[in-house]
C-alpha atoms as a PDB file:
ATOM      1  CA  MET A   1      86.656-191.019 -88.168  1.00  0.00           C
ATOM      2  CA  THR A   2      87.507-191.641 -84.747  1.00  0.00           C
ATOM      3  CA  ASP A   3      84.674-190.134 -82.211  1.00  0.00           C
ATOM      4  CA  ALA A   4      86.616-187.241 -79.609  1.00  0.00           C
ATOM      5  CA  VAL A   5      85.876-185.463 -76.941  1.00  0.00           C
ATOM      6  CA  THR A   6      88.446-182.344 -77.446  1.00  0.00           C
ATOM      7  CA  ALA A   7      89.386-178.999 -76.281  1.00  0.00           C
ATOM      8  CA  SER A   8      89.412-175.971 -78.470  1.00  0.00           C
ATOM      9  CA  PRO A   9      88.982-172.274 -78.225  1.00  0.00           C
ATOM     10  CA  VAL A  10      85.975-170.416 -80.997  1.00  0.00           C
ATOM     11  CA  VAL A  11      86.742-166.886 -82.010  1.00  0.00           C
ATOM     12  CA  SER A  12      84.281-165.772 -81.053  1.00  0.00           C
ATOM     13  CA  GLY A  13      34.989-148.454 -66.028  1.00  0.00           C
ATOM     14  CA  THR A  14      33.021-145.633 -64.531  1.00  0.00           C
ATOM     15  CA  THR A  15      33.713-142.601 -63.241  1.00  0.00           C
ATOM     16  CA  PRO A  16      31.633-141.403 -60.488  1.00  0.00           C
ATOM     17  CA  LEU A  17      29.526-138.392 -61.217  1.00  0.00           C
ATOM     18  CA  PRO A  18      27.966-136.062 -58.304  1.00  0.00           C
ATOM     19  CA  ALA A  19      24.404-137.442 -56.881  1.00  0.00           C
ATOM     20  CA  GLY A  20      21.608-136.337 -58.895  1.00  0.00           C
ATOM     21  CA  SER A  21      23.709-136.465 -62.593  1.00  0.00           C
ATOM     22  CA  SER A  22      23.275-139.689 -64.958  1.00  0.00           C
ATOM     23  CA  ASN A  23      25.884-142.794 -65.196  1.00  0.00           C
ATOM     24  CA  SER A  24      24.735-142.471 -68.700  1.00  0.00           C
ATOM     25  CA  SER A  25      26.890-139.985 -69.328  1.00  0.00           C
ATOM     26  CA  SER A  26      30.408-141.304 -67.591  1.00  0.00           C
ATOM     27  CA  SER A  27      31.580-144.319 -69.580  1.00  0.00           C
ATOM     28  CA  LEU A  28      35.730-143.616 -69.308  1.00  0.00           C
ATOM     29  CA  SER A  29      37.789-146.367 -72.325  1.00  0.00           C
ATOM     30  CA  SER A  30      40.909-146.425 -70.681  1.00  0.00           C
ATOM     31  CA  SER A  31      42.503-146.798 -74.445  1.00  0.00           C
ATOM     32  CA  SER A  32      41.742-143.990 -75.705  1.00  0.00           C
ATOM     33  CA  GLY A  33      43.234-140.677 -74.084  1.00  0.00           C
ATOM     34  CA  ALA A  34      39.841-138.296 -76.605  1.00  0.00           C
ATOM     35  CA  THR A  35      38.084-140.316 -74.681  1.00  0.00           C
ATOM     36  CA  LEU A  36      38.951-139.865 -71.681  1.00  0.00           C
ATOM     37  CA  ALA A  37      39.063-135.358 -72.098  1.00  0.00           C
ATOM     38  CA  GLY A  38      35.793-135.830 -73.577  1.00  0.00           C
ATOM     39  CA  ASN A  39      34.115-137.057 -70.257  1.00  0.00           C
ATOM     40  CA  PHE A  40      36.572-135.086 -68.325  1.00  0.00           C
ATOM     41  CA  GLN A  41      34.859-131.759 -70.317  1.00  0.00           C
ATOM     42  CA  THR A  42      31.343-133.852 -68.975  1.00  0.00           C
ATOM     43  CA  PHE A  43      32.316-133.771 -65.206  1.00  0.00           C
ATOM     44  CA  LEU A  44      33.334-130.564 -65.650  1.00  0.00           C
ATOM     45  CA  THR A  45      30.341-128.969 -67.170  1.00  0.00           C
ATOM     46  CA  LEU A  46      27.675-131.772 -65.163  1.00  0.00           C
ATOM     47  CA  LEU A  47      29.922-130.119 -61.800  1.00  0.00           C
ATOM     48  CA  THR A  48      29.696-126.840 -63.144  1.00  0.00           C
ATOM     49  CA  THR A  49      26.201-126.848 -63.598  1.00  0.00           C
ATOM     50  CA  GLN A  50      25.187-128.527 -60.456  1.00  0.00           C
ATOM     51  CA  LEU A  51      27.135-125.655 -58.244  1.00  0.00           C
ATOM     52  CA  GLN A  52      25.236-123.313 -59.981  1.00  0.00           C
ATOM     53  CA  ASN A  53      21.930-124.849 -59.147  1.00  0.00           C
ATOM     54  CA  GLN A  54      22.613-126.579 -55.421  1.00  0.00           C
ATOM     55  CA  ASN A  55      20.314-126.323 -52.410  1.00  0.00           C
ATOM     56  CA  PRO A  56      21.626-123.694 -50.330  1.00  0.00           C
ATOM     57  CA  LEU A  57      20.762-125.390 -47.130  1.00  0.00           C
ATOM     58  CA  ASP A  58      21.858-128.423 -48.845  1.00  0.00           C
ATOM     59  CA  PRO A  59      25.233-127.691 -50.627  1.00  0.00           C
ATOM     60  CA  LEU A  60      27.375-130.757 -52.275  1.00  0.00           C
ATOM     61  CA  ASP A  61      30.257-132.370 -51.005  1.00  0.00           C
ATOM     62  CA  THR A  62      33.116-130.628 -51.994  1.00  0.00           C
ATOM     63  CA  ASN A  63      35.433-133.879 -50.237  1.00  0.00           C
ATOM     64  CA  GLN A  64      33.436-136.343 -53.384  1.00  0.00           C
ATOM     65  CA  PHE A  65      34.461-133.767 -55.862  1.00  0.00           C
ATOM     66  CA  THR A  66      38.386-133.340 -54.857  1.00  0.00           C
ATOM     67  CA  GLN A  67      37.974-136.786 -55.307  1.00  0.00           C
ATOM     68  CA  GLN A  68      36.597-137.794 -58.552  1.00  0.00           C
ATOM     69  CA  LEU A  69      39.211-135.216 -59.873  1.00  0.00           C
ATOM     70  CA  VAL A  70      42.176-137.226 -58.644  1.00  0.00           C
ATOM     71  CA  GLN A  71      40.866-139.852 -60.292  1.00  0.00           C
ATOM     72  CA  PHE A  72      40.350-138.506 -63.558  1.00  0.00           C
ATOM     73  CA  ALA A  73      44.367-137.482 -63.624  1.00  0.00           C
ATOM     74  CA  SER A  74      45.019-140.521 -62.324  1.00  0.00           C
ATOM     75  CA  VAL A  75      43.884-142.643 -65.015  1.00  0.00           C
ATOM     76  CA  GLU A  76      44.684-139.858 -67.541  1.00  0.00           C
ATOM     77  CA  GLN A  77      48.671-140.422 -65.865  1.00  0.00           C
ATOM     78  CA  GLN A  78      48.147-144.060 -66.668  1.00  0.00           C
ATOM     79  CA  LEU A  79      46.617-143.838 -69.780  1.00  0.00           C
ATOM     80  CA  LYS A  80      50.030-141.606 -70.694  1.00  0.00           C
ATOM     81  CA  THR A  81      52.402-144.012 -68.781  1.00  0.00           C
ATOM     82  CA  ASN A  82      50.939-147.119 -71.052  1.00  0.00           C
ATOM     83  CA  ASP A  83      51.079-144.654 -74.282  1.00  0.00           C
ATOM     84  CA  GLU A  84      54.896-144.421 -73.565  1.00  0.00           C
ATOM     85  CA  LEU A  85      55.867-148.269 -72.594  1.00  0.00           C
ATOM     86  CA  SER A  86      54.279-148.675 -75.788  1.00  0.00           C
ATOM     87  CA  SER A  87      56.226-146.917 -77.854  1.00  0.00           C
ATOM     88  CA  LEU A  88      59.350-148.142 -75.669  1.00  0.00           C
ATOM     89  CA  VAL A  89      58.134-151.989 -76.367  1.00  0.00           C
ATOM     90  CA  SER A  90      57.838-151.184 -80.179  1.00  0.00           C
ATOM     91  CA  LEU A  91      61.378-149.576 -80.447  1.00  0.00           C
ATOM     92  CA  GLN A  92      62.891-152.465 -78.617  1.00  0.00           C
ATOM     93  CA  GLN A  93      60.865-154.877 -81.317  1.00  0.00           C
ATOM     94  CA  THR A  94      62.090-153.125 -84.180  1.00  0.00           C
ATOM     95  CA  THR A  95      65.768-153.073 -82.376  1.00  0.00           C
ATOM     96  CA  GLN A  96      65.439-156.673 -82.611  1.00  0.00           C
ATOM     97  CA  ALA A  97      64.373-157.058 -85.804  1.00  0.00           C
ATOM     98  CA  THR A  98      67.571-155.140 -86.743  1.00  0.00           C
ATOM     99  CA  GLN A  99      69.553-156.686 -85.233  1.00  0.00           C
ATOM    100  CA  ALA A 100      68.082-160.490 -85.954  1.00  0.00           C
ATOM    101  CA  LEU A 101      68.403-159.689 -89.863  1.00  0.00           C
ATOM    102  CA  GLY A 102      72.451-158.950 -89.265  1.00  0.00           C
ATOM    103  CA  PHE A 103      72.794-162.325 -88.472  1.00  0.00           C
ATOM    104  CA  VAL A 104      71.956-163.584 -91.548  1.00  0.00           C
ATOM    105  CA  GLY A 105      74.944-165.908 -93.161  1.00  0.00           C
ATOM    106  CA  LYS A 106      76.651-165.747 -89.910  1.00  0.00           C
ATOM    107  CA  THR A 107      77.831-169.156 -88.589  1.00  0.00           C
ATOM    108  CA  ALA A 108      76.666-169.052 -84.820  1.00  0.00           C
ATOM    109  CA  VAL A 109      76.214-170.963 -81.646  1.00  0.00           C
ATOM    110  CA  VAL A 110      73.662-171.586 -79.856  1.00  0.00           C
ATOM    111  CA  ASN A 111      72.105-173.714 -76.823  1.00  0.00           C
ATOM    112  CA  GLY A 112      70.174-177.173 -77.914  1.00  0.00           C
ATOM    113  CA  ASN A 113      71.228-180.817 -78.499  1.00  0.00           C
ATOM    114  CA  THR A 114      70.127-181.178 -82.239  1.00  0.00           C
ATOM    115  CA  ALA A 115      72.630-180.795 -84.581  1.00  0.00           C
ATOM    116  CA  SER A 116      72.336-181.518 -88.549  1.00  0.00           C
ATOM    117  CA  LEU A 117      74.262-184.324 -89.973  1.00  0.00           C
ATOM    118  CA  THR A 118      75.986-183.292 -93.446  1.00  0.00           C
ATOM    119  CA  ASN A 119      78.414-185.232 -95.223  1.00  0.00           C
ATOM    120  CA  SER A 120      78.377-188.139 -92.575  1.00  0.00           C
ATOM    121  CA  GLN A 121      79.415-185.561 -89.537  1.00  0.00           C
ATOM    122  CA  ALA A 122      77.554-183.660 -87.023  1.00  0.00           C
ATOM    123  CA  THR A 123      79.728-181.758 -84.431  1.00  0.00           C
ATOM    124  CA  TRP A 124      77.999-180.708 -80.404  1.00  0.00           C
ATOM    125  CA  ASN A 125      79.883-178.443 -78.677  1.00  0.00           C
ATOM    126  CA  LEU A 126      79.982-180.120 -74.801  1.00  0.00           C
ATOM    127  CA  ASN A 127      80.868-178.227 -71.524  1.00  0.00           C
ATOM    128  CA  ILE A 128      81.860-180.233 -69.181  1.00  0.00           C
ATOM    129  CA  PRO A 129      82.142-179.092 -65.387  1.00  0.00           C
ATOM    130  CA  ALA A 130      84.690-182.089 -63.387  1.00  0.00           C
ATOM    131  CA  ASN A 131      87.172-185.158 -65.054  1.00  0.00           C
ATOM    132  CA  GLY A 132      85.461-187.771 -65.006  1.00  0.00           C
ATOM    133  CA  ASN A 133      83.239-190.159 -67.198  1.00  0.00           C
ATOM    134  CA  LEU A 134      81.021-188.934 -70.208  1.00  0.00           C
ATOM    135  CA  THR A 135      78.643-191.517 -71.372  1.00  0.00           C
ATOM    136  CA  VAL A 136      76.684-190.135 -75.010  1.00  0.00           C
ATOM    137  CA  THR A 137      73.865-191.412 -76.580  1.00  0.00           C
ATOM    138  CA  ILE A 138      72.431-189.778 -80.292  1.00  0.00           C
ATOM    139  CA  ALA A 139      69.259-190.603 -81.507  1.00  0.00           C
ATOM    140  CA  ASN A 140      67.527-189.785 -84.699  1.00  0.00           C
ATOM    141  CA  ALA A 141      64.156-187.792 -85.781  1.00  0.00           C
ATOM    142  CA  ASN A 142      62.447-190.849 -84.972  1.00  0.00           C
ATOM    143  CA  GLY A 143      63.397-191.175 -81.311  1.00  0.00           C
ATOM    144  CA  GLN A 144      65.624-194.253 -82.079  1.00  0.00           C
ATOM    145  CA  ASN A 145      68.844-194.342 -80.629  1.00  0.00           C
ATOM    146  CA  VAL A 146      71.436-194.747 -83.042  1.00  0.00           C
ATOM    147  CA  TYR A 147      74.962-194.276 -81.353  1.00  0.00           C
ATOM    148  CA  THR A 148      76.252-194.828 -77.637  1.00  0.00           C
ATOM    149  CA  ASN A 149      79.642-194.290 -76.250  1.00  0.00           C
ATOM    150  CA  ASN A 150      81.693-194.061 -72.683  1.00  0.00           C
ATOM    151  CA  PHE A 151      84.830-191.568 -72.446  1.00  0.00           C
ATOM    152  CA  SER A 152      87.332-190.609 -70.464  1.00  0.00           C
ATOM    153  CA  VAL A 153      87.364-186.623 -70.331  1.00  0.00           C
ATOM    154  CA  THR A 154      88.381-184.064 -68.570  1.00  0.00           C
ATOM    155  CA  ALA A 155      87.053-180.276 -67.453  1.00  0.00           C
ATOM    156  CA  GLY A 156      86.032-177.696 -70.213  1.00  0.00           C
ATOM    157  CA  ASN A 157      83.601-175.487 -72.325  1.00  0.00           C
ATOM    158  CA  ASN A 158      83.258-175.630 -75.507  1.00  0.00           C
ATOM    159  CA  GLN A 159      84.589-179.131 -75.875  1.00  0.00           C
ATOM    160  CA  PRO A 160      83.660-180.207 -79.539  1.00  0.00           C
ATOM    161  CA  PHE A 161      82.229-183.389 -79.957  1.00  0.00           C
ATOM    162  CA  VAL A 162      82.219-184.693 -83.694  1.00  0.00           C
ATOM    163  CA  TRP A 163      80.310-187.923 -84.871  1.00  0.00           C
ATOM    164  CA  ASN A 164      80.854-189.387 -88.023  1.00  0.00           C
ATOM    165  CA  GLY A 165      77.329-190.853 -88.271  1.00  0.00           C
ATOM    166  CA  LYS A 166      77.957-194.431 -87.545  1.00  0.00           C
ATOM    167  CA  GLY A 167      75.893-196.214 -85.124  1.00  0.00           C
ATOM    168  CA  ASN A 168      77.589-199.288 -83.253  1.00  0.00           C
ATOM    169  CA  ASP A 169      76.780-201.458 -85.713  1.00  0.00           C
ATOM    170  CA  GLY A 170      79.088-199.699 -88.384  1.00  0.00           C
ATOM    171  CA  THR A 171      76.000-198.673 -89.809  1.00  0.00           C
ATOM    172  CA  GLN A 172      76.636-195.242 -91.921  1.00  0.00           C
ATOM    173  CA  TRP A 173      73.541-193.448 -91.227  1.00  0.00           C
ATOM    174  CA  GLN A 174      71.779-190.529 -93.564  1.00  0.00           C
ATOM    175  CA  ASP A 175      72.306-187.449 -93.036  1.00  0.00           C
ATOM    176  CA  GLY A 176      69.686-185.477 -91.021  1.00  0.00           C
ATOM    177  CA  GLN A 177      68.774-184.168 -87.363  1.00  0.00           C
ATOM    178  CA  TYR A 178      70.365-186.045 -84.353  1.00  0.00           C
ATOM    179  CA  THR A 179      69.510-185.699 -80.861  1.00  0.00           C
ATOM    180  CA  MET A 180      72.599-186.148 -78.519  1.00  0.00           C
ATOM    181  CA  THR A 181      72.049-186.691 -75.434  1.00  0.00           C
ATOM    182  CA  ALA A 182      75.260-186.171 -72.474  1.00  0.00           C
ATOM    183  CA  THR A 183      75.724-186.991 -69.069  1.00  0.00           C
ATOM    184  CA  ALA A 184      78.535-187.626 -66.744  1.00  0.00           C
ATOM    185  CA  THR A 185      80.747-188.385 -64.030  1.00  0.00           C
ATOM    186  CA  ASP A 186      83.098-186.725 -61.573  1.00  0.00           C
ATOM    187  CA  SER A 187      86.407-189.195 -60.660  1.00  0.00           C
ATOM    188  CA  SER A 188      84.044-189.716 -57.581  1.00  0.00           C
ATOM    189  CA  GLY A 189      81.102-191.360 -59.474  1.00  0.00           C
ATOM    190  CA  ASN A 190      79.200-188.000 -58.929  1.00  0.00           C
ATOM    191  CA  SER A 191      76.578-187.218 -61.725  1.00  0.00           C
ATOM    192  CA  GLN A 192      77.639-183.629 -63.351  1.00  0.00           C
ATOM    193  CA  ALA A 193      75.499-181.369 -65.315  1.00  0.00           C
ATOM    194  CA  VAL A 194      76.566-181.392 -69.681  1.00  0.00           C
ATOM    195  CA  THR A 195      75.322-178.549 -71.765  1.00  0.00           C
ATOM    196  CA  THR A 196      75.451-178.570 -75.318  1.00  0.00           C
ATOM    197  CA  GLU A 197      75.634-176.371 -77.713  1.00  0.00           C
ATOM    198  CA  VAL A 198      75.167-176.510 -81.700  1.00  0.00           C
ATOM    199  CA  GLN A 199      76.721-174.465 -84.857  1.00  0.00           C
ATOM    200  CA  GLY A 200      75.532-173.593 -88.014  1.00  0.00           C
ATOM    201  CA  VAL A 201      75.123-170.572 -90.393  1.00  0.00           C
ATOM    202  CA  VAL A 202      71.434-168.301 -89.532  1.00  0.00           C
ATOM    203  CA  SER A 203      69.763-169.291 -93.662  1.00  0.00           C
ATOM    204  CA  SER A 204      66.913-167.081 -92.151  1.00  0.00           C
ATOM    205  CA  VAL A 205      64.822-164.835 -90.453  1.00  0.00           C
ATOM    206  CA  ASP A 206      61.265-164.547 -89.481  1.00  0.00           C
ATOM    207  CA  LEU A 207      60.388-161.529 -88.486  1.00  0.00           C
ATOM    208  CA  THR A 208      56.657-162.147 -88.266  1.00  0.00           C
ATOM    209  CA  GLN A 209      57.504-163.782 -84.811  1.00  0.00           C
ATOM    210  CA  THR A 210      57.859-162.210 -81.965  1.00  0.00           C
ATOM    211  CA  PRO A 211      60.579-162.299 -81.255  1.00  0.00           C
ATOM    212  CA  PRO A 212      62.194-162.655 -84.528  1.00  0.00           C
ATOM    213  CA  LEU A 213      63.063-166.841 -84.997  1.00  0.00           C
ATOM    214  CA  LEU A 214      66.527-167.118 -86.636  1.00  0.00           C
ATOM    215  CA  SER A 215      66.691-170.697 -88.693  1.00  0.00           C
ATOM    216  CA  ILE A 216      69.605-172.359 -88.750  1.00  0.00           C
ATOM    217  CA  ASP A 217      69.549-175.607 -89.832  1.00  0.00           C
ATOM    218  CA  GLY A 218      66.548-176.219 -90.186  1.00  0.00           C
ATOM    219  CA  GLN A 219      65.530-174.690 -86.480  1.00  0.00           C
ATOM    220  CA  SER A 220      64.234-172.008 -85.424  1.00  0.00           C
ATOM    221  CA  PHE A 221      66.315-170.027 -82.185  1.00  0.00           C
ATOM    222  CA  THR A 222      65.402-166.740 -80.328  1.00  0.00           C
ATOM    223  CA  ILE A 223      68.578-163.983 -80.616  1.00  0.00           C
ATOM    224  CA  ASN A 224      68.873-164.535 -76.452  1.00  0.00           C
ATOM    225  CA  GLN A 225      70.018-168.602 -77.992  1.00  0.00           C
ATOM    226  CA  ILE A 226      72.780-167.156 -79.453  1.00  0.00           C
ATOM    227  CA  GLN A 227      76.042-167.773 -77.197  1.00  0.00           C
ATOM    228  CA  ARG A 228      78.026-166.313 -80.251  1.00  0.00           C
ATOM    229  CA  ILE A 229      79.125-165.981 -83.153  1.00  0.00           C
ATOM    230  CA  VAL A 230      82.149-167.865 -84.734  1.00  0.00           C
ATOM    231  CA  ASN A 231      82.398-165.760 -88.501  1.00  0.00           C
END
């Protein structure tokens, strides 16, 4: 097999109380609406009792009462907002799980540079920004470089690079995971960023993770890493 780079389209705390009351009765848990309601009722009871028994010559400060009522209302509103946000997050997670299950059995293209060599063939898709020269280096799972070569390329996305598993010395490497490093220069010698993609069949989904993880050729990817579904 001859290595080639060719263009190919891909289908696609605590709340203050009036003076004279006990702080121990005002503990507020921000995680419980029921606790908030209980504290609010306790506050109103204490407030009413203090109003009934206040010194007419030294009345309690009504501004303080108003501020505390506003604080209670603010905390209550925040709790309700948190509950709604929790519901939205739960709904989103359910949607992600349902969406992820739909990918099982599909051939997906994802961002990545590690591909599986199967039956002496591994394929990467390259996104090349400009005409020029491309240098490709492929390493095995142990980090050992097993192949390197230079090519003249034209600009374009989704250009498949197919490797037959043979090293520069002619050695046929065994099937497994291989990682590509691709660098390029344009016709003026300026460095160009080359991005790589790999594809494979989604064999399973791990729903215990958030977000769910898709297993493709022994590697794990999130849904947002999927660029397209081939079939």
